Amino acid sequence: MMTIVINIIAFFLTYAFMEFTAWFTHKYIMHGFLWKLHKDHHIKDHDKKFEKNDYFFLMFAIPSFLLIYFGFEQGVSSVLLWIGLGIMVYGITYVLVHDIFIHRRIKLFQKTNNPYFKGMRLAHKIHHKHLTKENGECFGFIWVKKKYIKADETN
């Protein structure tokens, strides 16, 4: 019973920690020394279906895959498995929210009246107003500052 509780806690802590990891990676790596890969996400080429920025998913998918793989090797009670699943579920959330909901790369979830989701779109729009790696703002993903949630903007 204790193993189940530890694994559930590990899963949710990993998922939550991924928000910090995404913020840190976005601010200091994507807008830092790997700007060359992230740049096309800010300067959109609408003729391309994929961006160089899409390679960043490997930065999270590979550790997740390895943790899940080696976790299964040890058995479903392995904490490695549950940490890997936490990273994977965060990745799925990222695709659904960032790529589908915010950037509308697939035409699902187009409209919302939910203030939190509208705030997510607004914060991301403010982030994208900067076309260079300098002077960026709003590097987070799921956690959105209240000022964006309260802002009245049609998305």
Protein backbone atom coordinates (compact mmCIF):
# COMPACT_ATOMS: atom_id res chain seq x y z
CA MET A 1 0.00 0.00 0.00
CA MET A 2 2.83 2.40 0.86
CA THR A 3 4.46 1.79 -2.54
CA ILE A 4 1.25 2.82 -4.31
CA VAL A 5 1.10 6.06 -2.32
CA ILE A 6 4.77 6.82 -3.00
CA ASN A 7 4.30 6.16 -6.72
CA ILE A 8 1.22 8.38 -6.92
CA ILE A 9 3.08 11.14 -5.07
CA ALA A 10 6.10 10.68 -7.38
CA PHE A 11 3.81 10.93 -10.43
CA PHE A 12 2.15 14.18 -9.31
CA LEU A 13 5.37 15.76 -8.01
CA THR A 14 7.06 14.95 -11.33
CA TYR A 15 4.15 16.43 -13.28
CA ALA A 16 4.27 19.60 -11.16
CA PHE A 17 8.08 19.83 -11.37
CA MET A 18 7.81 19.63 -15.16
CA GLU A 19 6.17 23.07 -15.15
CA PHE A 20 9.31 24.52 -13.54
CA THR A 21 11.46 22.48 -15.94
CA ALA A 22 9.50 23.77 -18.95
CA TRP A 23 9.78 27.38 -17.71
CA PHE A 24 13.53 27.05 -17.03
CA THR A 25 14.20 25.32 -20.36
CA HIS A 26 12.13 27.87 -22.25
CA LYS A 27 13.73 30.90 -20.62
CA TYR A 28 17.38 29.84 -20.38
CA ILE A 29 17.87 27.22 -23.09
CA MET A 30 15.33 27.96 -25.83
CA HIS A 31 15.86 31.72 -25.48
CA GLY A 32 19.54 31.11 -24.77
CA PHE A 33 22.09 28.94 -26.50
CA LEU A 34 19.50 26.90 -28.46
CA TRP A 35 17.66 29.94 -29.85
CA LYS A 36 18.50 28.65 -33.36
CA LEU A 37 16.02 25.82 -32.81
CA HIS A 38 13.36 27.92 -31.07
CA LYS A 39 13.55 30.99 -33.30
CA ASP A 40 11.22 29.63 -36.00
CA HIS A 41 8.51 29.24 -33.36
CA HIS A 42 8.50 33.03 -32.95
CA ILE A 43 8.97 33.87 -36.63
CA LYS A 44 6.28 31.65 -38.07
CA ASP A 45 6.68 30.19 -41.55
CA HIS A 46 3.10 29.27 -42.33
CA ASP A 47 4.15 27.09 -45.26
CA LYS A 48 5.76 24.54 -42.96
CA LYS A 49 3.84 21.98 -40.92
CA PHE A 50 6.76 21.34 -38.55
CA GLU A 51 9.24 23.68 -36.92
CA LYS A 52 12.82 23.21 -35.72
CA ASN A 53 11.33 24.00 -32.33
CA ASP A 54 9.51 20.64 -32.46
CA TYR A 55 12.82 18.89 -31.77
CA PHE A 56 12.64 20.08 -28.17
CA PHE A 57 10.08 17.39 -27.47
CA LEU A 58 12.97 14.90 -27.59
CA MET A 59 14.57 16.65 -24.62
CA PHE A 60 11.65 15.43 -22.52
CA ALA A 61 10.46 12.37 -24.44
CA ILE A 62 13.78 10.49 -24.30
CA PRO A 63 14.16 10.64 -20.49
CA SER A 64 10.47 9.79 -20.12
CA PHE A 65 10.80 6.79 -22.45
CA LEU A 66 13.93 5.54 -20.67
CA LEU A 67 12.37 5.90 -17.22
CA ILE A 68 9.22 4.09 -18.33
CA TYR A 69 11.24 1.35 -20.04
CA PHE A 70 13.57 0.70 -17.11
CA GLY A 71 10.69 1.14 -14.68
CA PHE A 72 8.76 -1.65 -16.40
CA GLU A 73 11.91 -3.76 -16.28
CA GLN A 74 11.81 -3.45 -12.49
CA GLY A 75 8.02 -3.90 -12.29
CA VAL A 76 4.99 -1.64 -12.14
CA SER A 77 5.76 -0.72 -8.54
CA SER A 78 9.03 0.93 -9.62
CA VAL A 79 9.11 4.64 -8.86
CA LEU A 80 11.09 5.14 -12.10
CA LEU A 81 8.02 4.09 -14.07
CA TRP A 82 5.82 6.62 -12.30
CA ILE A 83 8.31 9.45 -12.73
CA GLY A 84 8.51 8.60 -16.44
CA LEU A 85 4.71 8.57 -16.65
CA GLY A 86 4.58 11.98 -14.93
CA ILE A 87 6.90 13.41 -17.59
CA MET A 88 4.88 11.72 -20.35
CA VAL A 89 1.52 13.04 -19.10
CA TYR A 90 2.99 16.55 -18.86
CA GLY A 91 4.17 16.14 -22.46
CA ILE A 92 0.67 15.12 -23.54
CA THR A 93 -0.71 18.15 -21.70
CA TYR A 94 1.83 20.33 -23.51
CA VAL A 95 0.77 19.05 -26.94
CA LEU A 96 -2.93 19.43 -26.17
CA VAL A 97 -2.63 22.91 -24.66
CA HIS A 98 0.31 24.52 -26.49
CA ASP A 99 0.17 23.01 -29.96
CA ILE A 100 -3.56 22.32 -30.31
CA PHE A 101 -5.33 24.83 -28.04
CA ILE A 102 -2.99 27.85 -28.11
CA HIS A 103 -1.35 27.64 -31.54
CA ARG A 104 -4.24 25.76 -33.15
CA ARG A 105 -1.95 23.49 -35.16
CA ILE A 106 -4.83 21.03 -35.21
CA LYS A 107 -8.30 22.56 -35.38
CA LEU A 108 -9.69 21.33 -32.06
CA PHE A 109 -10.65 23.24 -28.92
CA GLN A 110 -11.01 26.48 -30.87
CA LYS A 111 -13.29 28.50 -28.63
CA THR A 112 -13.48 28.92 -24.90
CA ASN A 113 -15.13 31.23 -22.43
CA ASN A 114 -13.01 29.90 -19.58
CA PRO A 115 -11.05 32.83 -18.10
CA TYR A 116 -8.08 30.63 -17.19
CA PHE A 117 -7.70 29.21 -20.71
CA LYS A 118 -8.20 32.66 -22.22
CA GLY A 119 -5.47 33.90 -19.87
CA MET A 120 -3.18 31.12 -21.12
CA ARG A 121 -3.71 32.26 -24.70
CA LEU A 122 -3.14 35.91 -23.79
CA ALA A 123 0.09 35.21 -21.86
CA HIS A 124 1.38 33.16 -24.76
CA LYS A 125 0.42 35.90 -27.21
CA ILE A 126 2.39 38.39 -25.10
CA HIS A 127 5.35 36.00 -25.10
CA HIS A 128 5.24 35.80 -28.91
CA LYS A 129 5.18 39.55 -29.43
CA HIS A 130 8.97 39.37 -28.97
CA LEU A 131 10.60 38.19 -32.19
CA THR A 132 14.08 37.96 -30.71
CA LYS A 133 15.47 35.95 -27.82
CA GLU A 134 15.93 39.06 -25.67
CA ASN A 135 13.39 40.83 -23.46
CA GLY A 136 11.03 37.85 -23.33
CA GLU A 137 8.25 37.45 -20.81
CA CYS A 138 5.67 34.81 -19.89
CA PHE A 139 7.90 31.73 -20.16
CA GLY A 140 5.59 29.51 -18.14
CA PHE A 141 3.09 27.14 -19.58
CA ILE A 142 0.33 25.84 -17.31
CA TRP A 143 0.75 28.31 -14.46
CA VAL A 144 -0.56 31.69 -15.62
CA LYS A 145 -0.30 34.94 -13.68
CA LYS A 146 -3.62 36.34 -12.46
CA LYS A 147 -3.22 39.56 -14.45
CA TYR A 148 -3.62 37.56 -17.69
CA ILE A 149 -6.59 35.63 -16.40
CA LYS A 150 -8.36 38.83 -15.39
CA ALA A 151 -7.52 40.59 -18.64
CA ASP A 152 -10.54 40.90 -20.88
CA GLU A 153 -9.36 39.89 -24.34
CA THR A 154 -11.22 37.84 -26.89
CA ASN A 155 -9.22 34.80 -27.91
